[in-house]
């Protein structure tokens, strides 16, 4: 699928109707999400015919985009039932999707729940909560879980200001980390405490890939 066609289709995915600040719910823009998925597929061949997990799927833009490109299976995970319901409603608008898509309302931070799913997915994609104002460190919990679930690669967005920390953790976990692009994330005013109509945030688009695991790295990731 060409980029323009993908971006056009993804315009139909509705964003959060009632975003919740406790979950730091911000939709990934069509412009960014379509280019993320196009890069994942066309540059690295990590989407088409692959088993994919979308951690923190929200209203489903990355889930639906992955299915449109040709993922074989997508597990869409979010802890907010309202977001999962909206994702399902969005998915119903696309009759041409042949991928099997399963939505699940579940907590990514629940270690015991996800233990049986370690290494069960080819690719994990996520736009995690940044965790800079609320739920500090939640972005790294999401990333660690994605690395546990994936047998190959993880694609994620993180604030550029955290790059040094993320690269250091990737080294500790024996994971190859590559910043694929530096993006400007347009954050619209969606909560009462926002003072401006929109704010640009510098965000890194990462690709993480497992190295040959050592005993130490396996223990660090809880494998």
N, C-alpha and C. Protein backbone atom coordinates (compact mmCIF):
# COMPACT_ATOMS: atom_id res chain seq x y z
N UNK A 1 0.84 -1.19 0.00
CA UNK A 1 0.00 0.00 0.00
C UNK A 1 0.88 1.25 0.00
N UNK A 2 0.53 2.22 -0.84
CA UNK A 2 1.30 3.46 -0.91
C UNK A 2 0.97 4.34 0.30
N UNK A 3 1.93 5.21 0.63
CA UNK A 3 1.79 6.05 1.82
C UNK A 3 0.56 6.92 1.75
N UNK A 4 0.31 7.56 0.61
CA UNK A 4 -0.84 8.46 0.50
C UNK A 4 -2.15 7.71 0.70
N UNK A 5 -2.23 6.49 0.18
CA UNK A 5 -3.44 5.69 0.33
C UNK A 5 -3.65 5.31 1.80
N UNK A 6 -2.56 4.93 2.46
CA UNK A 6 -2.64 4.57 3.88
C UNK A 6 -3.08 5.77 4.71
N UNK A 7 -2.46 6.92 4.47
CA UNK A 7 -2.80 8.12 5.23
C UNK A 7 -4.26 8.51 5.01
N UNK A 8 -4.73 8.38 3.78
CA UNK A 8 -6.12 8.72 3.47
C UNK A 8 -7.10 7.82 4.22
N UNK A 9 -6.81 6.52 4.25
CA UNK A 9 -7.68 5.58 4.95
C UNK A 9 -7.69 5.83 6.45
N UNK A 10 -6.53 6.16 6.99
CA UNK A 10 -6.42 6.34 8.44
C UNK A 10 -7.07 7.63 8.93
N UNK A 11 -7.42 8.52 7.99
CA UNK A 11 -8.15 9.73 8.37
C UNK A 11 -9.52 9.38 8.96
N UNK A 12 -10.03 8.19 8.61
CA UNK A 12 -11.36 7.80 9.06
C UNK A 12 -11.38 7.25 10.49
N UNK A 13 -10.21 7.07 11.09
CA UNK A 13 -10.15 6.55 12.46
C UNK A 13 -10.38 7.69 13.44
N UNK A 14 -11.51 7.64 14.14
CA UNK A 14 -11.84 8.70 15.09
C UNK A 14 -10.90 8.69 16.28
N UNK A 15 -10.63 9.87 16.82
CA UNK A 15 -9.77 10.00 17.99
C UNK A 15 -10.61 9.82 19.26
N UNK A 16 -9.95 9.96 20.42
CA UNK A 16 -10.64 9.81 21.70
C UNK A 16 -11.83 10.78 21.79
N UNK A 17 -12.99 10.25 22.18
CA UNK A 17 -14.15 11.11 22.39
C UNK A 17 -14.03 11.86 23.71
N UNK A 18 -13.56 11.16 24.74
CA UNK A 18 -13.41 11.77 26.06
C UNK A 18 -12.08 11.32 26.65
N UNK A 19 -10.96 11.94 26.22
CA UNK A 19 -9.65 11.52 26.70
C UNK A 19 -9.52 11.68 28.21
N UNK A 20 -8.80 10.75 28.83
CA UNK A 20 -8.66 10.72 30.28
C UNK A 20 -7.22 11.06 30.66
N UNK A 21 -7.08 12.08 31.45
CA UNK A 21 -5.75 12.55 31.81
C UNK A 21 -5.00 11.52 32.66
N UNK A 22 -5.72 10.70 33.42
CA UNK A 22 -5.06 9.71 34.28
C UNK A 22 -4.29 8.68 33.44
N UNK A 23 -4.70 8.48 32.19
CA UNK A 23 -4.02 7.55 31.30
C UNK A 23 -3.13 8.27 30.28
N UNK A 24 -3.05 9.62 30.41
CA UNK A 24 -2.27 10.42 29.46
C UNK A 24 -2.68 10.10 28.02
N UNK A 25 -3.97 10.15 27.74
CA UNK A 25 -4.48 9.77 26.43
C UNK A 25 -4.34 10.91 25.43
N UNK A 26 -3.46 10.72 24.48
CA UNK A 26 -3.28 11.62 23.36
C UNK A 26 -3.20 10.77 22.10
N UNK A 27 -3.99 11.11 21.10
CA UNK A 27 -3.98 10.33 19.87
C UNK A 27 -2.73 10.61 19.06
N UNK A 28 -2.19 9.56 18.43
CA UNK A 28 -1.09 9.72 17.49
C UNK A 28 -1.66 10.26 16.20
N UNK A 29 -1.14 11.37 15.71
CA UNK A 29 -1.70 12.01 14.51
C UNK A 29 -1.64 11.07 13.32
N UNK A 30 -2.54 11.31 12.36
CA UNK A 30 -2.55 10.52 11.13
C UNK A 30 -1.22 10.67 10.40
N UNK A 31 -0.69 11.88 10.37
CA UNK A 31 0.57 12.14 9.66
C UNK A 31 1.70 11.29 10.24
N UNK A 32 1.83 11.28 11.56
CA UNK A 32 2.91 10.53 12.20
C UNK A 32 2.66 9.03 12.14
N UNK A 33 1.46 8.60 12.49
CA UNK A 33 1.19 7.16 12.56
C UNK A 33 1.30 6.50 11.20
N UNK A 34 0.83 7.15 10.15
CA UNK A 34 0.92 6.55 8.82
C UNK A 34 2.38 6.40 8.38
N UNK A 35 3.21 7.36 8.70
CA UNK A 35 4.62 7.30 8.32
C UNK A 35 5.38 6.30 9.19
N UNK A 36 5.00 6.19 10.44
CA UNK A 36 5.58 5.15 11.29
C UNK A 36 5.35 3.77 10.69
N UNK A 37 4.08 3.49 10.39
CA UNK A 37 3.72 2.16 9.89
C UNK A 37 4.31 1.89 8.51
N UNK A 38 4.34 2.91 7.67
CA UNK A 38 4.92 2.75 6.33
C UNK A 38 6.41 2.39 6.45
N UNK A 39 7.11 3.06 7.35
CA UNK A 39 8.53 2.78 7.57
C UNK A 39 8.74 1.37 8.12
N UNK A 40 7.92 0.99 9.10
CA UNK A 40 8.03 -0.34 9.70
C UNK A 40 7.87 -1.42 8.63
N UNK A 41 6.93 -1.21 7.72
CA UNK A 41 6.66 -2.21 6.69
C UNK A 41 7.65 -2.15 5.54
N UNK A 42 7.84 -1.00 4.96
CA UNK A 42 8.62 -0.90 3.72
C UNK A 42 10.12 -0.90 3.95
N UNK A 43 10.57 -0.40 5.09
CA UNK A 43 12.02 -0.37 5.35
C UNK A 43 12.48 -1.64 6.05
N UNK A 44 11.67 -2.17 6.96
CA UNK A 44 12.13 -3.29 7.79
C UNK A 44 11.31 -4.58 7.60
N UNK A 45 10.24 -4.51 6.83
CA UNK A 45 9.41 -5.70 6.57
C UNK A 45 8.93 -6.34 7.87
N UNK A 46 8.48 -5.50 8.80
CA UNK A 46 8.08 -6.00 10.12
C UNK A 46 6.58 -5.91 10.38
N UNK A 47 5.77 -5.73 9.32
CA UNK A 47 4.32 -5.66 9.52
C UNK A 47 3.55 -6.67 8.69
N UNK A 48 3.78 -6.68 7.39
CA UNK A 48 3.00 -7.53 6.51
C UNK A 48 3.22 -9.01 6.84
N UNK A 49 2.11 -9.72 7.01
CA UNK A 49 2.11 -11.16 7.33
C UNK A 49 2.67 -11.44 8.73
N UNK A 50 2.79 -10.43 9.55
CA UNK A 50 3.37 -10.60 10.89
C UNK A 50 2.30 -10.64 11.96
N UNK A 51 2.68 -11.20 13.11
CA UNK A 51 1.85 -11.21 14.31
C UNK A 51 2.26 -10.00 15.16
N UNK A 52 1.32 -9.10 15.38
CA UNK A 52 1.63 -7.78 15.94
C UNK A 52 0.85 -7.54 17.22
N UNK A 53 1.47 -6.84 18.17
CA UNK A 53 0.78 -6.37 19.38
C UNK A 53 0.90 -4.85 19.45
N UNK A 54 -0.23 -4.19 19.68
CA UNK A 54 -0.26 -2.74 19.86
C UNK A 54 -0.55 -2.47 21.32
N UNK A 55 0.47 -2.00 22.04
CA UNK A 55 0.36 -1.77 23.49
C UNK A 55 -0.12 -0.36 23.76
N UNK A 56 -1.27 -0.25 24.43
CA UNK A 56 -1.87 1.06 24.64
C UNK A 56 -2.51 1.54 23.36
N UNK A 57 -3.41 0.72 22.80
CA UNK A 57 -3.92 0.97 21.44
C UNK A 57 -4.80 2.20 21.34
N UNK A 58 -5.36 2.67 22.46
CA UNK A 58 -6.22 3.84 22.39
C UNK A 58 -7.39 3.61 21.45
N UNK A 59 -7.66 4.59 20.58
CA UNK A 59 -8.78 4.47 19.65
C UNK A 59 -8.45 3.61 18.43
N UNK A 60 -7.22 3.11 18.36
CA UNK A 60 -6.91 2.07 17.39
C UNK A 60 -6.24 2.49 16.10
N UNK A 61 -5.68 3.67 16.06
CA UNK A 61 -5.10 4.13 14.80
C UNK A 61 -3.94 3.25 14.34
N UNK A 62 -3.03 2.90 15.24
CA UNK A 62 -1.91 2.04 14.85
C UNK A 62 -2.36 0.60 14.60
N UNK A 63 -3.32 0.14 15.38
CA UNK A 63 -3.87 -1.20 15.17
C UNK A 63 -4.49 -1.32 13.78
N UNK A 64 -5.37 -0.40 13.46
CA UNK A 64 -6.08 -0.44 12.18
C UNK A 64 -5.12 -0.23 11.02
N UNK A 65 -4.16 0.68 11.18
CA UNK A 65 -3.18 0.89 10.13
C UNK A 65 -2.35 -0.35 9.86
N UNK A 66 -1.97 -1.07 10.93
CA UNK A 66 -1.22 -2.32 10.77
C UNK A 66 -2.03 -3.35 10.00
N UNK A 67 -3.32 -3.44 10.32
CA UNK A 67 -4.21 -4.38 9.64
C UNK A 67 -4.39 -3.99 8.17
N UNK A 68 -4.50 -2.71 7.89
CA UNK A 68 -4.66 -2.24 6.52
C UNK A 68 -3.44 -2.58 5.67
N UNK A 69 -2.25 -2.48 6.26
CA UNK A 69 -1.02 -2.78 5.54
C UNK A 69 -0.91 -4.27 5.23
N UNK A 70 -1.47 -5.10 6.11
CA UNK A 70 -1.45 -6.53 5.83
C UNK A 70 -0.90 -7.41 6.92
N UNK A 71 -0.93 -6.92 8.17
CA UNK A 71 -0.52 -7.79 9.28
C UNK A 71 -1.44 -9.01 9.31
N UNK A 72 -0.89 -10.14 9.69
CA UNK A 72 -1.69 -11.36 9.76
C UNK A 72 -2.61 -11.35 10.98
N UNK A 73 -2.09 -10.82 12.09
CA UNK A 73 -2.85 -10.80 13.34
C UNK A 73 -2.41 -9.59 14.16
N UNK A 74 -3.37 -8.92 14.80
CA UNK A 74 -3.04 -7.80 15.68
C UNK A 74 -3.80 -7.95 17.00
N UNK A 75 -3.08 -7.92 18.10
CA UNK A 75 -3.68 -7.86 19.43
C UNK A 75 -3.64 -6.41 19.89
N UNK A 76 -4.79 -5.81 20.10
CA UNK A 76 -4.90 -4.41 20.50
C UNK A 76 -5.19 -4.35 22.00
N UNK A 77 -4.27 -3.75 22.76
CA UNK A 77 -4.34 -3.80 24.23
C UNK A 77 -4.49 -2.39 24.79
N UNK A 78 -5.45 -2.21 25.68
CA UNK A 78 -5.56 -0.95 26.40
C UNK A 78 -6.27 -1.22 27.73
N UNK A 79 -5.89 -0.47 28.76
CA UNK A 79 -6.48 -0.69 30.08
C UNK A 79 -7.78 0.09 30.26
N UNK A 80 -8.10 0.95 29.28
CA UNK A 80 -9.31 1.77 29.36
C UNK A 80 -10.41 1.15 28.49
N UNK A 81 -11.48 0.70 29.14
CA UNK A 81 -12.56 0.04 28.42
C UNK A 81 -13.19 0.95 27.37
N UNK A 82 -13.34 2.24 27.68
CA UNK A 82 -13.94 3.17 26.72
C UNK A 82 -13.09 3.27 25.45
N UNK A 83 -11.78 3.29 25.62
CA UNK A 83 -10.89 3.37 24.46
C UNK A 83 -11.00 2.10 23.61
N UNK A 84 -11.07 0.95 24.28
CA UNK A 84 -11.20 -0.32 23.54
C UNK A 84 -12.51 -0.35 22.76
N UNK A 85 -13.58 0.12 23.39
CA UNK A 85 -14.87 0.16 22.72
C UNK A 85 -14.83 1.05 21.49
N UNK A 86 -14.16 2.19 21.60
CA UNK A 86 -14.06 3.09 20.47
C UNK A 86 -13.21 2.48 19.36
N UNK A 87 -12.14 1.77 19.74
CA UNK A 87 -11.31 1.10 18.75
C UNK A 87 -12.13 0.09 17.96
N UNK A 88 -12.98 -0.66 18.66
CA UNK A 88 -13.83 -1.66 18.00
C UNK A 88 -14.79 -0.96 17.03
N UNK A 89 -15.38 0.16 17.45
CA UNK A 89 -16.28 0.91 16.57
C UNK A 89 -15.54 1.43 15.34
N UNK A 90 -14.32 1.90 15.54
CA UNK A 90 -13.51 2.37 14.41
C UNK A 90 -13.22 1.23 13.45
N UNK A 91 -12.88 0.08 14.00
CA UNK A 91 -12.53 -1.07 13.18
C UNK A 91 -13.70 -1.51 12.30
N UNK A 92 -14.91 -1.39 12.82
CA UNK A 92 -16.09 -1.81 12.08
C UNK A 92 -16.32 -0.99 10.82
N UNK A 93 -15.68 0.17 10.71
CA UNK A 93 -15.83 1.03 9.53
C UNK A 93 -14.99 0.55 8.35
N UNK A 94 -14.11 -0.44 8.59
CA UNK A 94 -13.20 -0.88 7.53
C UNK A 94 -13.57 -2.31 7.11
N UNK A 95 -14.29 -2.41 6.01
CA UNK A 95 -14.75 -3.71 5.55
C UNK A 95 -13.67 -4.49 4.81
N UNK A 96 -12.62 -3.77 4.36
CA UNK A 96 -11.59 -4.41 3.53
C UNK A 96 -10.44 -5.01 4.35
N UNK A 97 -10.53 -4.98 5.68
CA UNK A 97 -9.48 -5.54 6.52
C UNK A 97 -9.67 -7.05 6.62
N UNK A 98 -8.63 -7.78 6.26
CA UNK A 98 -8.69 -9.24 6.32
C UNK A 98 -7.94 -9.81 7.51
N UNK A 99 -7.16 -8.98 8.18
CA UNK A 99 -6.39 -9.45 9.33
C UNK A 99 -7.32 -9.81 10.48
N UNK A 100 -6.88 -10.72 11.31
CA UNK A 100 -7.59 -11.04 12.54
C UNK A 100 -7.15 -10.04 13.60
N UNK A 101 -8.10 -9.29 14.15
CA UNK A 101 -7.80 -8.28 15.16
C UNK A 101 -8.57 -8.60 16.43
N UNK A 102 -7.85 -8.74 17.53
CA UNK A 102 -8.48 -9.02 18.82
C UNK A 102 -8.25 -7.85 19.76
N UNK A 103 -9.31 -7.20 20.22
CA UNK A 103 -9.16 -6.15 21.23
C UNK A 103 -9.21 -6.77 22.63
N UNK A 104 -8.43 -6.22 23.54
CA UNK A 104 -8.44 -6.73 24.91
C UNK A 104 -8.25 -5.55 25.86
N UNK A 105 -9.08 -5.53 26.90
CA UNK A 105 -8.93 -4.53 27.96
C UNK A 105 -8.10 -5.15 29.06
N UNK A 106 -6.86 -4.72 29.18
CA UNK A 106 -5.94 -5.34 30.13
C UNK A 106 -4.86 -4.35 30.53
N UNK A 107 -4.24 -4.64 31.66
CA UNK A 107 -3.21 -3.77 32.24
C UNK A 107 -1.82 -4.25 31.82
N UNK A 108 -1.13 -3.42 31.08
CA UNK A 108 0.22 -3.76 30.61
C UNK A 108 1.17 -3.96 31.78
N UNK A 109 0.91 -3.31 32.91
CA UNK A 109 1.83 -3.38 34.04
C UNK A 109 1.71 -4.69 34.83
N UNK A 110 0.72 -5.53 34.50
CA UNK A 110 0.50 -6.78 35.21
C UNK A 110 1.48 -7.85 34.71
N UNK A 111 2.55 -8.06 35.43
CA UNK A 111 3.62 -8.97 35.02
C UNK A 111 3.12 -10.40 34.86
N UNK A 112 2.36 -10.87 35.82
CA UNK A 112 1.91 -12.27 35.79
C UNK A 112 1.01 -12.56 34.59
N UNK A 113 0.17 -11.61 34.24
CA UNK A 113 -0.76 -11.82 33.14
C UNK A 113 -0.03 -12.04 31.82
N UNK A 114 1.05 -11.30 31.60
CA UNK A 114 1.72 -11.33 30.30
C UNK A 114 2.83 -12.36 30.19
N UNK A 115 3.16 -13.01 31.28
CA UNK A 115 4.22 -14.02 31.26
C UNK A 115 4.00 -15.09 30.17
N UNK A 116 2.78 -15.62 29.99
CA UNK A 116 2.59 -16.66 28.97
C UNK A 116 2.72 -16.16 27.53
N UNK A 117 2.73 -14.83 27.36
CA UNK A 117 2.77 -14.26 26.01
C UNK A 117 4.17 -13.82 25.59
N UNK A 118 5.17 -14.08 26.42
CA UNK A 118 6.53 -13.68 26.07
C UNK A 118 6.96 -14.32 24.75
N UNK A 119 7.51 -13.48 23.86
CA UNK A 119 8.03 -13.91 22.56
C UNK A 119 6.95 -14.46 21.62
N UNK A 120 5.70 -14.11 21.85
CA UNK A 120 4.62 -14.64 21.03
C UNK A 120 4.30 -13.75 19.81
N UNK A 121 4.90 -12.56 19.76
CA UNK A 121 4.60 -11.62 18.68
C UNK A 121 5.88 -11.29 17.91
N UNK A 122 5.74 -11.17 16.58
CA UNK A 122 6.89 -10.76 15.77
C UNK A 122 7.27 -9.32 16.06
N UNK A 123 6.25 -8.46 16.12
CA UNK A 123 6.47 -7.01 16.22
C UNK A 123 5.53 -6.42 17.25
N UNK A 124 6.06 -5.50 18.06
CA UNK A 124 5.23 -4.72 18.97
C UNK A 124 5.34 -3.25 18.59
N UNK A 125 4.21 -2.55 18.58
CA UNK A 125 4.19 -1.12 18.30
C UNK A 125 3.52 -0.41 19.47
N UNK A 126 3.98 0.81 19.76
CA UNK A 126 3.37 1.52 20.88
C UNK A 126 3.69 3.00 20.84
N UNK A 127 2.73 3.76 21.27
CA UNK A 127 2.91 5.17 21.61
C UNK A 127 2.54 5.26 23.08
N UNK A 128 3.49 4.98 23.97
CA UNK A 128 3.16 4.84 25.39
C UNK A 128 2.92 6.18 26.06
N UNK A 129 2.27 6.17 27.22
CA UNK A 129 2.22 7.40 28.03
C UNK A 129 3.65 7.84 28.31
N UNK A 130 3.91 9.14 28.19
CA UNK A 130 5.28 9.62 28.38
C UNK A 130 5.70 9.58 29.85
N UNK A 131 4.74 9.69 30.76
CA UNK A 131 5.05 9.54 32.18
C UNK A 131 5.93 10.62 32.75
N UNK A 132 5.88 11.82 32.16
CA UNK A 132 6.73 12.89 32.67
C UNK A 132 6.03 13.73 33.73
N UNK A 133 4.69 13.78 33.72
CA UNK A 133 3.94 14.53 34.71
C UNK A 133 3.16 13.61 35.64
N UNK A 134 2.62 12.50 35.09
CA UNK A 134 1.87 11.53 35.87
C UNK A 134 2.47 10.16 35.59
N UNK A 135 2.33 9.26 36.52
CA UNK A 135 2.79 7.88 36.33
C UNK A 135 4.24 7.82 35.84
N UNK A 136 5.12 8.44 36.58
CA UNK A 136 6.52 8.50 36.17
C UNK A 136 7.09 7.10 35.97
N UNK A 137 7.78 6.93 34.86
CA UNK A 137 8.39 5.66 34.54
C UNK A 137 7.49 4.70 33.78
N UNK A 138 6.23 5.09 33.52
CA UNK A 138 5.30 4.19 32.84
C UNK A 138 5.75 3.90 31.42
N UNK A 139 6.45 4.86 30.79
CA UNK A 139 6.93 4.64 29.42
C UNK A 139 7.91 3.48 29.37
N UNK A 140 8.74 3.35 30.39
CA UNK A 140 9.73 2.27 30.40
C UNK A 140 9.09 0.93 30.75
N UNK A 141 8.02 0.96 31.53
CA UNK A 141 7.28 -0.28 31.80
C UNK A 141 6.66 -0.80 30.51
N UNK A 142 6.08 0.11 29.73
CA UNK A 142 5.51 -0.28 28.44
C UNK A 142 6.60 -0.84 27.52
N UNK A 143 7.73 -0.16 27.46
CA UNK A 143 8.80 -0.60 26.58
C UNK A 143 9.34 -1.97 27.00
N UNK A 144 9.54 -2.16 28.29
CA UNK A 144 10.04 -3.45 28.77
C UNK A 144 9.06 -4.57 28.45
N UNK A 145 7.75 -4.29 28.63
CA UNK A 145 6.76 -5.32 28.32
C UNK A 145 6.77 -5.64 26.82
N UNK A 146 6.88 -4.63 25.99
CA UNK A 146 6.93 -4.85 24.55
C UNK A 146 8.12 -5.71 24.16
N UNK A 147 9.26 -5.47 24.78
CA UNK A 147 10.46 -6.26 24.50
C UNK A 147 10.28 -7.71 24.94
N UNK A 148 9.54 -7.91 26.01
CA UNK A 148 9.28 -9.27 26.46
C UNK A 148 8.33 -10.01 25.51
N UNK A 149 7.33 -9.29 25.00
CA UNK A 149 6.33 -9.92 24.15
C UNK A 149 6.85 -10.18 22.73
N UNK A 150 7.79 -9.37 22.28
CA UNK A 150 8.27 -9.46 20.90
C UNK A 150 9.41 -10.44 20.75
N UNK A 151 9.38 -11.19 19.65
CA UNK A 151 10.49 -12.09 19.33
C UNK A 151 11.47 -11.42 18.36
N UNK A 152 11.10 -10.25 17.84
CA UNK A 152 11.95 -9.61 16.84
C UNK A 152 12.17 -8.12 17.13
N UNK A 153 11.17 -7.29 16.83
CA UNK A 153 11.40 -5.84 16.90
C UNK A 153 10.27 -5.13 17.63
N UNK A 154 10.62 -3.98 18.21
CA UNK A 154 9.68 -3.10 18.88
C UNK A 154 9.84 -1.70 18.31
N UNK A 155 8.72 -1.06 18.02
CA UNK A 155 8.73 0.32 17.52
C UNK A 155 7.96 1.18 18.49
N UNK A 156 8.58 2.30 18.91
CA UNK A 156 7.98 3.09 19.98
C UNK A 156 8.32 4.56 19.84
N UNK A 157 7.47 5.41 20.43
CA UNK A 157 7.70 6.85 20.48
C UNK A 157 8.04 7.25 21.91
N UNK A 158 9.07 8.08 22.06
CA UNK A 158 9.47 8.56 23.38
C UNK A 158 9.96 10.00 23.27
N UNK A 159 9.78 10.76 24.33
CA UNK A 159 10.24 12.15 24.32
C UNK A 159 11.74 12.20 24.09
N UNK A 160 12.16 13.11 23.23
CA UNK A 160 13.58 13.25 22.91
C UNK A 160 14.41 13.54 24.16
N UNK A 161 13.81 14.24 25.12
CA UNK A 161 14.53 14.59 26.34
C UNK A 161 14.92 13.36 27.16
N UNK A 162 14.31 12.21 26.88
CA UNK A 162 14.62 10.98 27.62
C UNK A 162 15.58 10.06 26.85
N UNK A 163 16.11 10.54 25.74
CA UNK A 163 16.91 9.67 24.87
C UNK A 163 18.10 9.04 25.59
N UNK A 164 18.83 9.81 26.34
CA UNK A 164 20.01 9.27 27.03
C UNK A 164 19.62 8.13 27.96
N UNK A 165 18.53 8.32 28.69
CA UNK A 165 18.06 7.29 29.62
C UNK A 165 17.63 6.03 28.87
N UNK A 166 16.89 6.21 27.79
CA UNK A 166 16.39 5.06 27.04
C UNK A 166 17.53 4.27 26.40
N UNK A 167 18.49 4.96 25.83
CA UNK A 167 19.63 4.27 25.22
C UNK A 167 20.45 3.53 26.27
N UNK A 168 20.54 4.11 27.46
CA UNK A 168 21.27 3.44 28.54
C UNK A 168 20.54 2.16 28.98
N UNK A 169 19.21 2.24 29.09
CA UNK A 169 18.44 1.05 29.48
C UNK A 169 18.49 -0.02 28.39
N UNK A 170 18.46 0.39 27.14
CA UNK A 170 18.56 -0.57 26.04
C UNK A 170 19.87 -1.33 26.11
N UNK A 171 20.94 -0.63 26.44
CA UNK A 171 22.25 -1.28 26.58
C UNK A 171 22.24 -2.26 27.74
N UNK A 172 21.62 -1.87 28.85
CA UNK A 172 21.53 -2.76 30.01
C UNK A 172 20.77 -4.03 29.66
N UNK A 173 19.73 -3.89 28.82
CA UNK A 173 18.88 -5.02 28.45
C UNK A 173 19.42 -5.80 27.25
N UNK A 174 20.59 -5.42 26.77
CA UNK A 174 21.19 -6.06 25.59
C UNK A 174 20.26 -5.99 24.37
N UNK A 175 19.73 -4.79 24.17
CA UNK A 175 18.81 -4.53 23.05
C UNK A 175 19.42 -3.46 22.15
N UNK A 176 19.37 -3.68 20.87
CA UNK A 176 19.84 -2.67 19.92
C UNK A 176 18.76 -1.60 19.76
N UNK A 177 19.13 -0.35 19.97
CA UNK A 177 18.18 0.76 19.87
C UNK A 177 18.63 1.72 18.78
N UNK A 178 17.72 2.05 17.90
CA UNK A 178 18.03 2.96 16.79
C UNK A 178 16.95 4.03 16.71
N UNK A 179 17.37 5.30 16.73
CA UNK A 179 16.43 6.40 16.54
C UNK A 179 16.23 6.57 15.04
N UNK A 180 15.04 6.23 14.57
CA UNK A 180 14.75 6.28 13.14
C UNK A 180 14.42 7.69 12.67
N UNK A 181 13.83 8.49 13.56
CA UNK A 181 13.45 9.85 13.17
C UNK A 181 13.22 10.69 14.41
N UNK A 182 13.48 11.98 14.27
CA UNK A 182 13.14 12.96 15.29
C UNK A 182 11.90 13.70 14.80
N UNK A 183 10.83 13.64 15.59
CA UNK A 183 9.54 14.15 15.16
C UNK A 183 9.09 15.33 16.03
N UNK A 184 8.16 16.10 15.47
CA UNK A 184 7.50 17.14 16.24
C UNK A 184 6.07 16.67 16.49
N UNK A 185 5.79 16.32 17.72
CA UNK A 185 4.48 15.78 18.09
C UNK A 185 3.59 16.96 18.46
N UNK A 186 2.59 17.22 17.63
CA UNK A 186 1.66 18.33 17.88
C UNK A 186 0.63 17.90 18.90
N UNK A 187 0.75 18.43 20.09
CA UNK A 187 -0.13 18.04 21.20
C UNK A 187 -1.23 19.09 21.33
N UNK A 188 -2.46 18.75 20.91
CA UNK A 188 -3.56 19.73 20.98
C UNK A 188 -4.03 19.93 22.41
N UNK A 189 -4.76 21.01 22.63
CA UNK A 189 -5.33 21.28 23.95
C UNK A 189 -6.54 20.38 24.14
N UNK A 190 -6.41 19.38 25.00
CA UNK A 190 -7.53 18.46 25.25
C UNK A 190 -7.92 18.41 26.72
N UNK A 191 -7.07 18.97 27.60
CA UNK A 191 -7.37 18.95 29.03
C UNK A 191 -7.44 20.38 29.57
N UNK A 192 -8.19 20.56 30.64
CA UNK A 192 -8.42 21.90 31.18
C UNK A 192 -7.14 22.60 31.62
N UNK A 193 -6.16 21.82 32.08
CA UNK A 193 -4.94 22.44 32.59
C UNK A 193 -4.01 22.93 31.48
N UNK A 194 -4.30 22.58 30.22
CA UNK A 194 -3.48 23.05 29.10
C UNK A 194 -3.69 24.56 28.90
N UNK A 195 -2.59 25.30 28.78
CA UNK A 195 -2.67 26.75 28.67
C UNK A 195 -2.67 27.23 27.22
N UNK A 196 -2.20 26.38 26.29
CA UNK A 196 -2.09 26.79 24.90
C UNK A 196 -2.96 25.88 24.02
N UNK A 197 -3.34 26.39 22.85
CA UNK A 197 -4.19 25.62 21.95
C UNK A 197 -3.49 24.37 21.45
N UNK A 198 -2.18 24.43 21.32
CA UNK A 198 -1.39 23.25 20.95
C UNK A 198 0.07 23.49 21.33
N UNK A 199 0.79 22.41 21.53
CA UNK A 199 2.20 22.48 21.89
C UNK A 199 2.97 21.45 21.08
N UNK A 200 4.10 21.84 20.54
CA UNK A 200 4.96 20.90 19.82
C UNK A 200 5.93 20.26 20.80
N UNK A 201 5.97 18.93 20.82
CA UNK A 201 6.88 18.19 21.69
C UNK A 201 7.85 17.41 20.81
N UNK A 202 9.12 17.47 21.15
CA UNK A 202 10.13 16.72 20.39
C UNK A 202 10.07 15.26 20.80
N UNK A 203 9.88 14.39 19.82
CA UNK A 203 9.69 12.97 20.07
C UNK A 203 10.60 12.16 19.16
N UNK A 204 11.17 11.08 19.70
CA UNK A 204 11.99 10.15 18.92
C UNK A 204 11.18 8.94 18.54
N UNK A 205 11.34 8.50 17.30
CA UNK A 205 10.74 7.27 16.82
C UNK A 205 11.83 6.20 16.81
N UNK A 206 11.67 5.17 17.65
CA UNK A 206 12.70 4.16 17.87
C UNK A 206 12.36 2.83 17.21
N UNK A 207 13.41 2.12 16.84
CA UNK A 207 13.31 0.70 16.56
C UNK A 207 14.24 -0.03 17.53
N UNK A 208 13.69 -0.98 18.27
CA UNK A 208 14.46 -1.81 19.18
C UNK A 208 14.46 -3.23 18.64
N UNK A 209 15.62 -3.87 18.70
CA UNK A 209 15.71 -5.26 18.23
C UNK A 209 16.56 -6.06 19.20
N UNK A 210 16.13 -7.29 19.44
CA UNK A 210 16.84 -8.15 20.38
C UNK A 210 18.19 -8.57 19.82
N UNK A 211 19.20 -8.50 20.67
CA UNK A 211 20.49 -9.11 20.36
C UNK A 211 20.43 -10.57 20.79
N UNK A 212 21.51 -11.31 20.52
CA UNK A 212 21.58 -12.68 21.03
C UNK A 212 21.53 -12.62 22.54
N UNK A 213 20.52 -13.21 23.17
CA UNK A 213 20.33 -13.04 24.62
C UNK A 213 21.43 -13.70 25.44
N UNK A 214 21.82 -13.01 26.49
CA UNK A 214 22.72 -13.58 27.48
C UNK A 214 21.91 -13.89 28.72
N UNK A 215 22.47 -14.65 29.63
CA UNK A 215 21.76 -14.98 30.87
C UNK A 215 21.41 -13.70 31.62
N UNK A 216 22.33 -12.74 31.62
CA UNK A 216 22.10 -11.51 32.35
C UNK A 216 20.93 -10.74 31.75
N UNK A 217 20.88 -10.60 30.41
CA UNK A 217 19.82 -9.85 29.78
C UNK A 217 18.48 -10.54 29.95
N UNK A 218 18.48 -11.86 29.94
CA UNK A 218 17.24 -12.60 30.15
C UNK A 218 16.69 -12.36 31.55
N UNK A 219 17.59 -12.33 32.52
CA UNK A 219 17.16 -12.08 33.89
C UNK A 219 16.65 -10.65 34.06
N UNK A 220 17.30 -9.68 33.39
CA UNK A 220 16.90 -8.29 33.51
C UNK A 220 15.52 -8.04 32.93
N UNK A 221 15.18 -8.75 31.84
CA UNK A 221 13.87 -8.60 31.22
C UNK A 221 12.85 -9.54 31.82
N UNK A 222 13.26 -10.36 32.76
CA UNK A 222 12.34 -11.28 33.40
C UNK A 222 11.96 -12.45 32.53
N UNK A 223 12.88 -12.89 31.65
CA UNK A 223 12.60 -14.00 30.73
C UNK A 223 12.94 -15.34 31.36
